N, C-alpha and C. Protein backbone atom coordinates (compact mmCIF):
# COMPACT_ATOMS: atom_id res chain seq x y z
N MET A 1 0.84 -1.09 -0.11
CA MET A 1 0.21 0.21 0.03
C MET A 1 0.92 1.38 -0.16
N PRO A 2 0.72 2.28 -0.65
CA PRO A 2 1.31 3.33 -1.12
C PRO A 2 1.48 4.09 0.44
N SER A 3 2.53 4.83 0.64
CA SER A 3 2.68 5.50 1.91
C SER A 3 2.21 6.81 1.43
N THR A 4 1.44 7.53 2.61
CA THR A 4 0.91 8.84 2.89
C THR A 4 1.70 9.60 2.99
N ALA A 5 2.90 9.32 3.67
CA ALA A 5 3.75 10.47 4.29
C ALA A 5 4.53 11.23 3.40
N GLY A 6 4.42 12.26 3.74
CA GLY A 6 4.91 13.53 2.78
C GLY A 6 3.74 14.31 1.93
N ARG A 7 2.61 13.59 1.86
CA ARG A 7 1.55 13.87 0.75
C ARG A 7 1.26 15.26 1.41
N ALA A 8 0.76 16.13 0.60
CA ALA A 8 0.05 17.61 0.96
C ALA A 8 -1.22 17.24 1.80
N PRO A 9 -1.57 17.83 2.38
CA PRO A 9 -3.29 17.83 3.25
C PRO A 9 -4.19 17.94 2.02
N ASP A 10 -5.00 17.34 2.40
CA ASP A 10 -6.20 17.15 1.47
C ASP A 10 -7.00 18.74 1.35
N PRO A 11 -6.86 19.54 0.60
CA PRO A 11 -7.22 21.02 0.45
C PRO A 11 -9.12 20.98 0.59
N ARG A 12 -9.66 19.63 0.42
CA ARG A 12 -10.84 19.78 0.14
C ARG A 12 -11.94 20.33 1.44
N PRO A 13 -11.45 19.81 2.69
CA PRO A 13 -12.33 20.39 3.91
C PRO A 13 -11.95 22.10 3.73
N ALA A 14 -11.07 22.22 3.61
CA ALA A 14 -10.41 23.64 3.86
C ALA A 14 -11.67 24.61 2.91
N ARG A 15 -11.66 24.26 1.66
CA ARG A 15 -12.32 24.65 0.65
C ARG A 15 -13.87 24.81 0.99
N THR A 16 -14.13 23.54 1.53
CA THR A 16 -15.90 23.44 1.82
C THR A 16 -16.02 24.27 3.00
N LYS A 17 -15.23 24.90 3.89
CA LYS A 17 -15.11 25.34 5.10
C LYS A 17 -15.26 27.08 4.56
N ALA A 18 -14.43 27.19 3.78
CA ALA A 18 -14.40 28.52 3.28
C ALA A 18 -15.43 29.00 2.57
N ALA A 19 -16.12 27.84 1.85
CA ALA A 19 -17.44 28.32 0.80
C ALA A 19 -18.48 28.54 1.90
N ILE A 20 -18.52 27.69 2.94
CA ILE A 20 -19.68 27.59 4.00
C ILE A 20 -19.36 29.19 4.75
N PHE A 21 -18.42 29.77 5.12
CA PHE A 21 -18.33 30.90 5.49
C PHE A 21 -18.62 32.13 4.47
N ALA A 22 -18.20 31.98 3.33
CA ALA A 22 -18.38 32.97 2.13
C ALA A 22 -20.28 33.02 2.08
N ALA A 23 -20.66 31.90 1.91
CA ALA A 23 -22.20 31.71 1.77
C ALA A 23 -22.93 32.36 3.04
N ALA A 24 -22.28 32.24 4.21
CA ALA A 24 -23.13 32.57 5.59
C ALA A 24 -22.80 34.49 5.34
N ARG A 25 -21.86 34.90 5.16
CA ARG A 25 -21.50 36.21 4.92
C ARG A 25 -22.51 36.76 3.81
N ASP A 26 -22.71 36.43 2.44
CA ASP A 26 -23.46 36.84 1.50
C ASP A 26 -24.70 36.54 1.78
N LEU A 27 -25.48 35.54 2.51
CA LEU A 27 -26.63 35.53 2.93
C LEU A 27 -27.10 36.52 3.99
N SER A 28 -26.14 36.68 4.78
CA SER A 28 -26.43 37.87 6.04
C SER A 28 -26.67 39.26 5.62
N ALA A 29 -25.56 39.41 4.77
CA ALA A 29 -25.32 40.92 4.11
C ALA A 29 -26.41 41.23 3.14
N ARG A 30 -27.36 40.17 2.48
CA ARG A 30 -28.38 40.13 1.75
C ARG A 30 -29.61 39.88 2.40
N ASP A 31 -29.48 39.70 3.51
CA ASP A 31 -31.07 39.55 4.41
C ASP A 31 -31.33 38.31 4.07
N GLY A 32 -30.70 37.35 3.60
CA GLY A 32 -31.32 35.98 3.30
C GLY A 32 -31.60 34.97 4.34
N ASP A 33 -32.29 34.06 4.34
CA ASP A 33 -32.87 33.51 5.38
C ASP A 33 -31.68 32.35 5.47
N VAL A 34 -30.93 32.54 6.78
CA VAL A 34 -29.96 31.65 7.15
C VAL A 34 -30.22 30.56 7.53
N THR A 35 -30.30 29.37 6.99
CA THR A 35 -30.62 28.13 7.29
C THR A 35 -29.56 26.95 6.97
N VAL A 36 -29.39 26.05 7.55
CA VAL A 36 -28.54 25.15 7.05
C VAL A 36 -28.67 24.44 5.75
N ASN A 37 -29.85 24.47 5.35
CA ASN A 37 -30.45 24.32 3.84
C ASN A 37 -29.75 25.23 2.90
N ALA A 38 -30.36 26.38 3.34
CA ALA A 38 -29.86 27.62 2.35
C ALA A 38 -28.26 27.76 2.22
N LEU A 39 -27.57 27.54 3.66
CA LEU A 39 -26.18 27.84 3.61
C LEU A 39 -25.50 26.62 2.57
N ALA A 40 -25.88 25.51 2.49
CA ALA A 40 -25.57 24.22 1.77
C ALA A 40 -25.87 24.71 0.38
N GLN A 41 -26.72 25.11 0.18
CA GLN A 41 -27.12 25.59 -1.42
C GLN A 41 -26.12 26.58 -1.83
N ARG A 42 -26.21 27.55 -1.10
CA ARG A 42 -25.29 28.81 -1.56
C ARG A 42 -23.96 28.33 -1.60
N ALA A 43 -23.25 27.38 -0.59
CA ALA A 43 -22.14 27.08 -0.75
C ALA A 43 -21.85 25.96 -2.04
N GLY A 44 -23.03 25.53 -2.13
CA GLY A 44 -22.71 24.45 -3.27
C GLY A 44 -22.09 22.87 -2.48
N VAL A 45 -22.52 22.95 -1.51
CA VAL A 45 -21.96 21.31 -0.78
C VAL A 45 -23.41 20.74 -0.03
N SER A 46 -23.27 19.57 0.25
CA SER A 46 -24.21 19.16 0.77
C SER A 46 -24.61 19.39 2.13
N ARG A 47 -25.86 18.89 2.56
CA ARG A 47 -25.77 19.16 4.28
C ARG A 47 -25.14 18.24 4.99
N ALA A 48 -24.75 16.73 4.46
CA ALA A 48 -23.77 16.35 5.38
C ALA A 48 -22.42 16.90 5.35
N ALA A 49 -22.25 17.55 4.22
CA ALA A 49 -20.81 18.25 3.98
C ALA A 49 -20.80 19.23 5.71
N PHE A 50 -21.67 20.22 5.46
CA PHE A 50 -22.12 21.03 6.56
C PHE A 50 -21.89 20.56 7.84
N TYR A 51 -22.52 19.39 8.25
CA TYR A 51 -22.51 18.90 9.14
C TYR A 51 -21.20 18.21 9.62
N SER A 52 -20.28 17.98 8.66
CA SER A 52 -19.12 17.39 8.86
C SER A 52 -18.14 18.52 9.42
N HIS A 53 -18.47 19.71 9.19
CA HIS A 53 -17.46 20.98 9.65
C HIS A 53 -18.21 21.60 10.95
N PHE A 54 -19.58 21.51 11.02
CA PHE A 54 -20.29 22.42 12.14
C PHE A 54 -21.50 21.70 12.55
N SER A 55 -21.55 21.69 14.19
CA SER A 55 -22.70 21.09 14.51
C SER A 55 -24.26 21.77 14.46
N GLY A 56 -24.10 22.80 13.66
CA GLY A 56 -25.41 23.88 13.56
C GLY A 56 -24.87 25.20 13.22
N LEU A 57 -25.92 26.40 13.40
CA LEU A 57 -25.55 27.69 13.28
C LEU A 57 -24.91 28.21 14.49
N ASP A 58 -25.30 27.78 15.75
CA ASP A 58 -24.37 28.34 16.89
C ASP A 58 -22.77 28.25 16.53
N ASP A 59 -22.48 26.56 15.91
CA ASP A 59 -21.08 26.61 16.02
C ASP A 59 -20.74 27.16 14.96
N LEU A 60 -21.16 27.59 13.57
CA LEU A 60 -20.77 27.98 12.65
C LEU A 60 -20.50 29.57 13.34
N MET A 61 -21.48 30.39 13.90
CA MET A 61 -21.24 31.64 14.13
C MET A 61 -19.90 31.77 14.94
N GLY A 62 -19.83 30.53 16.08
CA GLY A 62 -18.68 30.56 16.98
C GLY A 62 -17.44 30.70 15.89
N ALA A 63 -17.32 29.69 15.16
CA ALA A 63 -16.20 29.37 14.31
C ALA A 63 -15.88 30.86 13.67
N MET A 64 -16.94 31.53 13.17
CA MET A 64 -16.85 32.57 12.11
C MET A 64 -15.85 33.77 12.91
N LEU A 65 -16.60 33.99 14.27
CA LEU A 65 -16.09 35.14 15.09
C LEU A 65 -15.10 34.87 15.65
N ALA A 66 -14.52 33.69 15.81
CA ALA A 66 -12.96 33.12 16.39
C ALA A 66 -11.81 33.79 15.89
N THR A 67 -12.16 34.07 14.45
CA THR A 67 -11.41 34.94 13.60
C THR A 67 -10.99 36.19 14.48
N MET A 68 -11.85 37.06 15.09
CA MET A 68 -11.59 38.12 15.71
C MET A 68 -10.80 37.85 16.85
N PHE A 69 -11.32 36.94 17.46
CA PHE A 69 -10.42 36.43 18.82
C PHE A 69 -9.01 36.22 18.78
N ASP A 70 -8.81 35.34 17.75
CA ASP A 70 -7.47 34.99 17.20
C ASP A 70 -6.55 35.95 16.93
N ARG A 71 -7.00 36.86 16.14
CA ARG A 71 -6.35 38.26 15.69
C ARG A 71 -5.78 38.99 17.02
N GLN A 72 -6.84 39.26 17.86
CA GLN A 72 -6.38 39.89 18.87
C GLN A 72 -5.17 39.37 19.75
N GLN A 73 -5.23 37.85 19.79
CA GLN A 73 -4.46 37.59 20.49
C GLN A 73 -3.10 37.44 20.02
N GLU A 74 -3.18 37.24 18.82
CA GLU A 74 -2.07 37.17 17.58
C GLU A 74 -1.26 38.50 18.08
N ARG A 75 -1.97 39.86 18.05
CA ARG A 75 -1.49 41.24 18.04
C ARG A 75 -0.89 41.34 19.37
N SER A 76 -1.62 40.77 20.36
CA SER A 76 -1.11 40.74 21.84
C SER A 76 0.08 40.10 22.25
N ILE A 77 0.49 39.07 21.51
CA ILE A 77 1.57 38.25 21.80
C ILE A 77 2.61 39.04 20.79
N GLU A 78 2.58 39.67 19.73
CA GLU A 78 3.61 40.42 19.31
C GLU A 78 3.80 41.66 19.90
N LEU A 79 2.92 42.49 20.54
CA LEU A 79 2.84 43.50 21.60
C LEU A 79 3.66 43.30 22.98
N ALA A 80 3.72 42.06 23.27
CA ALA A 80 4.07 41.63 24.52
C ALA A 80 5.59 41.25 24.07
N ALA A 81 5.78 40.64 23.09
CA ALA A 81 7.39 40.59 22.50
C ALA A 81 8.08 41.63 22.36
N GLN A 82 7.54 43.03 22.06
CA GLN A 82 7.82 44.15 22.13
C GLN A 82 8.23 44.94 23.24
N GLY A 83 7.64 44.38 24.45
CA GLY A 83 7.75 44.97 25.57
C GLY A 83 6.88 46.12 25.91
N ARG A 84 5.37 45.85 25.20
CA ARG A 84 4.72 46.92 25.49
C ARG A 84 3.77 46.74 26.71
N SER A 85 3.15 47.58 27.13
CA SER A 85 2.61 47.62 28.40
C SER A 85 0.88 46.87 27.80
N ILE A 86 0.60 46.20 29.35
CA ILE A 86 -0.78 45.44 29.50
C ILE A 86 -2.02 46.64 29.11
N GLN A 87 -1.68 47.68 29.44
CA GLN A 87 -2.46 48.99 29.03
C GLN A 87 -2.53 49.27 27.34
N GLU A 88 -1.40 49.14 26.63
CA GLU A 88 -1.61 49.17 25.13
C GLU A 88 -1.88 48.15 24.69
N MET A 89 -2.06 46.85 24.99
CA MET A 89 -2.54 45.69 24.44
C MET A 89 -4.03 45.95 24.64
N VAL A 90 -4.18 46.19 25.89
CA VAL A 90 -5.89 46.35 25.98
C VAL A 90 -6.67 47.20 24.96
N ARG A 91 -5.80 48.37 24.73
CA ARG A 91 -6.32 49.33 23.55
C ARG A 91 -6.23 48.75 22.23
N VAL A 92 -5.14 48.12 21.97
CA VAL A 92 -4.98 47.68 20.65
C VAL A 92 -6.07 46.63 20.69
N SER A 93 -6.44 45.89 21.47
CA SER A 93 -7.44 44.72 21.44
C SER A 93 -8.62 45.14 21.02
N ALA A 94 -9.13 46.45 22.00
CA ALA A 94 -10.42 47.01 21.71
C ALA A 94 -10.47 47.41 20.67
N ALA A 95 -9.31 48.02 19.97
CA ALA A 95 -9.32 49.01 18.41
C ALA A 95 -9.81 47.79 17.39
N THR A 96 -8.98 46.67 17.45
CA THR A 96 -8.90 45.62 16.49
C THR A 96 -10.28 45.08 16.43
N MET A 97 -11.01 44.71 17.42
CA MET A 97 -12.41 44.25 17.77
C MET A 97 -13.35 45.19 17.25
N VAL A 98 -13.41 46.61 17.55
CA VAL A 98 -13.98 47.45 16.80
C VAL A 98 -14.07 47.48 15.26
N ALA A 99 -12.71 47.34 14.62
CA ALA A 99 -12.28 47.63 13.30
C ALA A 99 -12.77 46.19 12.74
N TYR A 100 -13.13 45.27 13.14
CA TYR A 100 -13.53 43.84 12.79
C TYR A 100 -14.95 44.19 12.53
N VAL A 101 -15.47 44.64 13.45
CA VAL A 101 -17.31 44.59 13.59
C VAL A 101 -17.31 45.74 12.72
N ALA A 102 -16.76 46.88 12.26
CA ALA A 102 -16.93 47.94 11.15
C ALA A 102 -16.81 47.33 9.79
N HIS A 103 -15.58 46.39 9.60
CA HIS A 103 -15.45 45.60 8.21
C HIS A 103 -16.23 44.54 8.12
N HIS A 104 -17.01 44.03 8.81
CA HIS A 104 -18.09 42.81 8.73
C HIS A 104 -19.30 43.31 8.92
N HIS A 105 -19.76 44.68 8.80
CA HIS A 105 -20.66 45.37 9.41
C HIS A 105 -22.01 44.76 8.57
N ALA A 106 -22.10 44.47 7.52
CA ALA A 106 -23.19 43.97 6.49
C ALA A 106 -23.35 42.21 7.19
N PHE A 107 -22.11 41.61 7.56
CA PHE A 107 -22.63 40.32 7.83
C PHE A 107 -23.37 40.20 9.38
N LEU A 108 -22.38 40.89 10.03
CA LEU A 108 -22.84 40.86 11.71
C LEU A 108 -24.35 41.65 11.75
N ARG A 109 -24.59 42.47 11.13
CA ARG A 109 -26.02 43.29 11.22
C ARG A 109 -27.04 42.12 10.82
N GLY A 110 -26.63 41.36 9.75
CA GLY A 110 -27.56 40.50 9.29
C GLY A 110 -27.45 39.30 10.06
N ALA A 111 -26.41 38.59 10.70
CA ALA A 111 -26.37 37.68 11.61
C ALA A 111 -27.19 37.90 13.23
N LEU A 112 -27.63 39.24 13.39
CA LEU A 112 -28.36 39.72 14.53
C LEU A 112 -29.88 38.90 14.22
N ASP A 113 -30.26 38.43 13.02
CA ASP A 113 -31.53 37.67 12.77
C ASP A 113 -31.43 36.33 12.58
N TRP A 114 -30.15 35.77 12.60
CA TRP A 114 -29.86 34.41 12.58
C TRP A 114 -31.01 33.53 13.55
N LYS A 115 -31.37 32.26 13.38
CA LYS A 115 -31.91 31.54 14.14
C LYS A 115 -31.22 30.81 15.21
N PHE A 116 -30.36 31.09 15.95
CA PHE A 116 -29.62 30.47 16.91
C PHE A 116 -29.86 30.65 18.32
N SER A 117 -29.39 29.92 19.11
CA SER A 117 -29.80 30.11 20.64
C SER A 117 -28.98 31.25 21.13
N HIS A 118 -29.26 31.44 22.43
CA HIS A 118 -28.43 32.56 23.24
C HIS A 118 -27.12 31.93 23.54
N ARG A 119 -27.00 30.36 23.53
CA ARG A 119 -25.88 30.07 23.75
C ARG A 119 -24.52 30.73 23.07
N THR A 120 -25.07 30.94 21.73
CA THR A 120 -23.60 31.80 20.91
C THR A 120 -23.29 33.02 21.71
N TYR A 121 -24.14 33.55 22.19
CA TYR A 121 -23.64 34.94 22.71
C TYR A 121 -22.87 34.95 24.17
N LEU A 122 -23.43 33.66 24.65
CA LEU A 122 -22.72 33.40 26.09
C LEU A 122 -21.34 32.83 25.85
N ILE A 123 -21.32 32.02 24.52
CA ILE A 123 -19.85 31.88 24.14
C ILE A 123 -19.08 32.53 24.04
N LEU A 124 -19.44 33.69 22.85
CA LEU A 124 -18.75 34.92 23.04
C LEU A 124 -18.35 35.81 23.99
N VAL A 125 -19.40 35.88 24.93
CA VAL A 125 -18.60 36.65 26.16
C VAL A 125 -17.83 35.87 27.03
N GLY A 126 -17.86 34.51 26.95
CA GLY A 126 -17.14 33.66 27.78
C GLY A 126 -15.52 33.61 27.31
N THR A 127 -15.39 33.76 25.81
CA THR A 127 -14.12 33.97 24.99
C THR A 127 -13.55 35.27 25.27
N LEU A 128 -14.56 36.33 25.26
CA LEU A 128 -13.81 37.71 25.50
C LEU A 128 -13.27 37.94 26.80
N ALA A 129 -14.10 37.31 27.76
CA ALA A 129 -13.92 37.31 29.09
C ALA A 129 -12.39 36.72 29.40
N ASP A 130 -12.12 35.34 28.92
CA ASP A 130 -11.08 34.66 28.78
C ASP A 130 -9.86 35.82 28.66
N LEU A 131 -9.89 36.62 27.49
CA LEU A 131 -9.29 37.45 27.35
C LEU A 131 -8.68 38.47 28.26
N HIS A 132 -9.91 38.88 28.86
CA HIS A 132 -9.61 40.03 29.84
C HIS A 132 -9.02 39.53 30.93
N ALA A 133 -9.56 38.34 31.09
CA ALA A 133 -8.89 37.60 32.61
C ALA A 133 -7.51 37.56 32.59
N VAL A 134 -6.93 37.30 31.31
CA VAL A 134 -5.53 37.02 31.33
C VAL A 134 -4.66 38.56 31.19
N ALA A 135 -5.27 39.69 30.61
CA ALA A 135 -4.65 40.83 30.72
C ALA A 135 -4.79 41.43 32.25
N LEU A 136 -6.07 41.17 33.11
CA LEU A 136 -6.07 41.62 34.54
C LEU A 136 -5.09 40.87 35.33
N ASP A 137 -4.98 39.51 34.99
CA ASP A 137 -4.05 38.53 36.12
C ASP A 137 -2.50 39.16 35.72
N ARG A 138 -2.18 39.59 34.43
CA ARG A 138 -0.85 40.17 34.20
C ARG A 138 -0.62 41.54 35.11
N LEU A 139 -1.59 42.12 35.06
CA LEU A 139 -1.77 43.67 35.60
C LEU A 139 -1.38 43.43 37.43
N GLY A 140 -1.59 42.34 37.86
CA GLY A 140 -1.35 42.01 39.08
C GLY A 140 -1.69 43.03 40.30
N ASP A 141 -0.80 43.67 41.05
CA ASP A 141 -0.99 44.69 42.03
C ASP A 141 -1.84 45.81 41.48
N GLN A 142 -1.54 46.33 40.18
CA GLN A 142 -2.03 47.21 39.30
C GLN A 142 -3.62 47.30 39.56
N VAL A 143 -4.11 46.01 39.85
CA VAL A 143 -6.00 46.04 39.86
C VAL A 143 -5.97 46.13 41.15
N PRO A 144 -7.10 47.28 41.40
CA PRO A 144 -7.38 47.65 42.73
C PRO A 144 -8.37 46.60 43.36
N LEU A 145 -8.49 46.79 44.61
CA LEU A 145 -9.37 45.85 45.34
C LEU A 145 -10.78 45.79 44.77
N SER A 146 -11.17 44.74 44.24
CA SER A 146 -12.44 44.62 43.38
C SER A 146 -13.21 43.05 43.67
N PRO A 147 -14.24 42.87 42.93
CA PRO A 147 -14.84 41.39 42.48
C PRO A 147 -13.64 40.69 42.27
N PRO A 148 -13.68 39.27 42.22
CA PRO A 148 -13.06 38.26 41.37
C PRO A 148 -12.66 38.98 40.19
N ILE A 149 -11.33 38.40 39.93
CA ILE A 149 -10.80 38.79 38.12
C ILE A 149 -11.70 38.10 37.22
N PRO A 150 -12.24 36.85 37.26
CA PRO A 150 -13.38 36.16 36.64
C PRO A 150 -14.69 37.10 36.33
N GLN A 151 -15.20 37.43 37.39
CA GLN A 151 -16.36 38.11 37.50
C GLN A 151 -16.18 39.74 36.82
N MET A 152 -15.22 40.23 37.03
CA MET A 152 -14.72 41.41 36.39
C MET A 152 -14.38 41.44 34.80
N ALA A 153 -13.72 40.20 34.57
CA ALA A 153 -13.61 40.07 33.05
C ALA A 153 -14.67 39.77 32.27
N ARG A 154 -15.86 39.32 32.83
CA ARG A 154 -16.98 38.86 32.21
C ARG A 154 -17.84 40.14 32.10
N TYR A 155 -17.77 40.88 33.18
CA TYR A 155 -18.38 42.32 33.27
C TYR A 155 -17.73 42.98 31.71
N PHE A 156 -16.73 43.21 31.93
CA PHE A 156 -15.89 44.08 30.91
C PHE A 156 -16.49 43.57 29.39
N ALA A 157 -16.42 42.07 29.27
CA ALA A 157 -16.79 41.49 28.02
C ALA A 157 -18.17 41.72 27.86
N GLY A 158 -19.32 41.30 28.57
CA GLY A 158 -20.67 41.65 28.26
C GLY A 158 -20.76 43.22 27.84
N GLY A 159 -20.09 44.05 28.96
CA GLY A 159 -20.67 45.37 28.40
C GLY A 159 -20.04 46.02 27.17
N SER A 160 -18.90 45.43 26.92
CA SER A 160 -18.18 45.69 25.29
C SER A 160 -18.98 45.13 24.02
N LEU A 161 -19.59 43.95 24.28
CA LEU A 161 -19.92 43.10 23.19
C LEU A 161 -21.56 43.72 23.11
N ASP A 162 -22.23 44.37 24.25
CA ASP A 162 -23.47 44.78 24.21
C ASP A 162 -23.42 46.42 23.35
N LEU A 163 -22.28 47.25 23.92
CA LEU A 163 -22.08 48.37 22.79
C LEU A 163 -21.91 47.97 21.25
N LEU A 164 -21.04 47.08 20.77
CA LEU A 164 -20.93 46.54 19.29
C LEU A 164 -22.19 46.33 18.84
N ILE A 165 -22.86 45.34 19.54
CA ILE A 165 -24.29 44.88 19.15
C ILE A 165 -24.98 46.30 18.68
N GLN A 166 -25.11 47.17 19.80
CA GLN A 166 -26.39 48.22 19.77
C GLN A 166 -25.73 49.18 18.54
N TRP A 167 -24.21 49.25 18.34
CA TRP A 167 -23.49 49.86 17.22
C TRP A 167 -24.23 49.84 15.73
N LEU A 168 -24.13 47.98 15.78
CA LEU A 168 -24.89 47.60 14.54
C LEU A 168 -26.04 47.88 14.15
N VAL A 169 -27.07 47.78 15.13
CA VAL A 169 -28.42 48.15 15.30
C VAL A 169 -28.59 49.77 14.63
N ASP A 170 -27.92 50.52 15.54
CA ASP A 170 -28.00 52.01 15.17
C ASP A 170 -27.47 52.41 14.05
N THR A 171 -26.58 52.11 13.54
CA THR A 171 -26.11 52.28 12.08
C THR A 171 -26.34 51.43 11.06
N GLU A 172 -27.35 51.00 11.11
CA GLU A 172 -28.21 49.97 9.98
C GLU A 172 -28.66 50.57 9.07
N GLN A 173 -29.44 51.84 9.27
CA GLN A 173 -30.01 52.63 7.95
C GLN A 173 -28.81 53.39 7.16
N ASP A 174 -27.89 53.88 8.05
CA ASP A 174 -26.93 54.46 7.46
C ASP A 174 -26.03 53.55 6.59
N ALA A 175 -25.60 52.34 6.63
CA ALA A 175 -24.98 51.21 6.15
C ALA A 175 -25.93 51.10 5.11
N ARG A 176 -27.21 50.49 4.85
CA ARG A 176 -27.88 50.32 4.09
C ARG A 176 -27.98 51.67 2.84
N ALA A 177 -27.57 52.61 3.55
CA ALA A 177 -27.81 53.78 2.80
C ALA A 177 -26.25 54.31 1.77
N GLY A 178 -25.52 53.18 2.28
CA GLY A 178 -24.20 53.48 1.51
C GLY A 178 -23.28 54.42 2.25
N GLN A 179 -23.68 54.74 3.15
CA GLN A 179 -22.83 55.74 4.18
C GLN A 179 -21.62 55.23 4.61
N GLU A 180 -20.74 56.16 4.51
CA GLU A 180 -19.44 55.69 5.47
C GLU A 180 -19.37 55.92 7.07
N LEU A 181 -19.21 54.66 7.56
CA LEU A 181 -19.60 54.60 8.91
C LEU A 181 -18.45 55.05 9.87
N ASP A 182 -18.70 55.91 10.81
CA ASP A 182 -17.17 56.25 11.70
C ASP A 182 -17.18 55.15 12.87
N ARG A 183 -16.38 54.55 12.89
CA ARG A 183 -16.20 53.73 14.21
C ARG A 183 -15.52 54.32 15.47
N GLU A 184 -14.96 55.33 14.92
CA GLU A 184 -14.19 56.02 16.03
C GLU A 184 -15.05 56.32 17.80
N PRO A 185 -16.35 56.98 17.39
CA PRO A 185 -17.03 57.15 18.53
C PRO A 185 -17.50 55.92 19.13
N LEU A 186 -17.57 54.53 18.52
CA LEU A 186 -17.75 53.23 19.14
C LEU A 186 -16.49 52.93 19.98
N LEU A 187 -15.23 53.18 19.28
CA LEU A 187 -14.13 52.67 20.12
C LEU A 187 -13.96 53.56 21.15
N ALA A 188 -14.25 54.75 21.13
CA ALA A 188 -13.87 55.95 22.43
C ALA A 188 -15.07 55.39 23.57
N GLY A 189 -16.46 54.63 23.05
CA GLY A 189 -17.54 54.09 23.95
C GLY A 189 -16.97 53.09 24.76
N VAL A 190 -16.04 52.13 23.86
CA VAL A 190 -15.70 50.89 24.46
C VAL A 190 -14.64 51.07 25.49
N LEU A 191 -13.67 52.00 24.93
CA LEU A 191 -12.42 52.03 25.92
C LEU A 191 -12.75 53.11 26.98
N ARG A 192 -13.76 53.93 26.93
CA ARG A 192 -14.04 55.04 27.87
C ARG A 192 -14.74 54.19 29.17
N MET A 193 -15.25 53.32 28.63
CA MET A 193 -16.30 52.46 29.85
C MET A 193 -15.24 51.58 30.48
N LEU A 194 -14.24 51.52 30.24
CA LEU A 194 -13.30 50.55 31.12
C LEU A 194 -12.46 51.37 31.77
N PRO A 195 -12.12 51.00 33.23
CA PRO A 195 -11.46 51.74 33.65
C PRO A 195 -10.13 52.21 33.48
N SER A 196 -9.56 53.38 33.75
CA SER A 196 -8.42 54.15 33.54
C SER A 196 -7.21 53.13 33.77
N TRP A 197 -7.13 52.57 34.93
CA TRP A 197 -6.08 51.97 35.10
C TRP A 197 -5.98 50.51 34.42
N TYR A 198 -6.84 50.35 33.48
CA TYR A 198 -7.00 49.12 32.59
C TYR A 198 -6.70 49.39 31.44
N THR A 199 -7.17 50.56 30.92
CA THR A 199 -6.75 51.05 29.60
C THR A 199 -5.50 52.17 29.52
N GLY A 200 -5.21 52.67 30.50
CA GLY A 200 -4.14 53.84 30.39
C GLY A 200 -4.61 54.90 30.14
N LEU A 201 -5.92 55.07 29.98
CA LEU A 201 -6.29 56.47 29.39
C LEU A 201 -6.93 57.36 30.60
N GLY A 202 -6.73 58.16 31.22
CA GLY A 202 -7.31 59.10 31.87
C GLY A 202 -8.40 59.97 31.15
N PRO A 203 -9.50 60.72 31.71
CA PRO A 203 -10.37 61.39 31.14
C PRO A 203 -9.93 62.47 30.22
N GLU A 204 -8.92 62.84 30.20
CA GLU A 204 -8.34 64.11 29.41
C GLU A 204 -7.62 63.58 28.60
N VAL A 205 -7.41 62.42 28.49
CA VAL A 205 -6.01 61.72 27.47
C VAL A 205 -6.76 61.08 26.41
N PRO A 206 -6.28 61.72 24.92
CA PRO A 206 -7.09 61.11 23.91
C PRO A 206 -6.37 59.84 23.51
N ILE A 207 -7.58 59.11 22.84
CA ILE A 207 -7.27 58.07 22.44
C ILE A 207 -6.45 57.51 21.08
N PRO A 208 -5.10 57.08 21.37
CA PRO A 208 -4.46 57.00 20.39
C PRO A 208 -4.63 56.59 18.89
N GLU A 209 -4.43 57.25 17.76
CA GLU A 209 -4.44 57.03 16.40
C GLU A 209 -4.01 55.67 16.11
N ASP A 210 -4.21 54.87 14.98
CA ASP A 210 -3.55 53.85 14.35
C ASP A 210 -3.04 53.02 15.30
N LEU A 211 -4.06 52.28 15.83
CA LEU A 211 -4.02 51.25 16.89
C LEU A 211 -4.23 50.05 15.99
N VAL A 212 -4.75 50.08 14.97
CA VAL A 212 -5.10 48.79 14.22
C VAL A 212 -4.19 48.66 13.03
N LEU A 213 -3.89 47.19 12.96
CA LEU A 213 -3.21 46.96 11.20
C LEU A 213 -4.48 46.29 10.55
N GLU A 214 -4.68 47.01 9.51
CA GLU A 214 -6.09 46.69 9.30
C GLU A 214 -6.24 45.36 8.54
N TRP A 215 -5.05 45.09 8.26
CA TRP A 215 -5.08 43.48 7.60
C TRP A 215 -5.42 42.50 8.68
N LEU A 216 -5.26 42.94 9.89
CA LEU A 216 -5.81 42.05 10.72
C LEU A 216 -7.26 41.78 10.96
N VAL A 217 -8.27 42.76 10.25
CA VAL A 217 -9.55 42.61 10.59
C VAL A 217 -10.09 42.16 9.41
N ALA A 218 -9.76 41.57 8.43
CA ALA A 218 -10.26 41.11 7.23
C ALA A 218 -9.94 39.50 7.03
N ASP A 219 -10.62 38.64 6.86
CA ASP A 219 -10.76 37.20 6.66
C ASP A 219 -9.89 36.78 5.50
N PRO A 220 -9.17 35.64 6.01
CA PRO A 220 -8.22 35.24 5.06
C PRO A 220 -8.78 34.99 3.51
N ASP A 221 -10.14 34.44 3.52
CA ASP A 221 -10.68 34.21 2.36
C ASP A 221 -11.27 35.05 1.98
N ASP A 222 -11.59 36.50 2.32
CA ASP A 222 -12.11 37.54 2.07
C ASP A 222 -12.29 37.90 0.38
N SER A 223 -11.00 37.49 -0.40
CA SER A 223 -10.76 37.95 -1.55
C SER A 223 -11.30 36.88 -2.48
N ALA A 224 -11.47 35.67 -1.80
CA ALA A 224 -12.00 34.23 -2.61
C ALA A 224 -13.65 34.40 -2.26
N ALA A 225 -14.13 35.17 -1.50
CA ALA A 225 -15.52 34.89 -1.28
C ALA A 225 -16.59 35.69 -2.16
């Protein structure tokens, strides 16, 4: 029997997954009915192929948004290697998250109408809370006496996500009209709601510009979608 050692990985699973992601973005942006059947048809795959990758819409949404958190973590690792402060990493992470939401506005706005459970939101809060918990833990004695770090991290995560979701709703009509959306007020809201000891931003300190590397917020398969 021929050996498989040294063979390149089968590209078909990655292509199928990318096609499903592209179908989800397209259907959401066009206000299409996002169901497993609709996704499979738009992606040109079978229902069985869909379920070989995702258990359902909750799982699919979690996988798609994982990109945002992965980029945040990658960037934080780079900044840590450069000796940057935790506060700077917090600012960059917030800016990257805001930029991701703005870049994928049409998809995320449409995704608010997906028929998935509240579990997806809880998973998102938990994932973001884990990132906050790492930052808070690294601050050590800089964190004032307060509730336990896991509770504080979850509070920061839930509040930030709620601001992002409300921004998608508030800007829906402007986006549909083709107007350019200003994400700076959203970033200011996210950062100013966090304590200054966490962000390094006092009330009178302006929010730094150029916190985001724009390529970080685009999905790898955007050009192929």
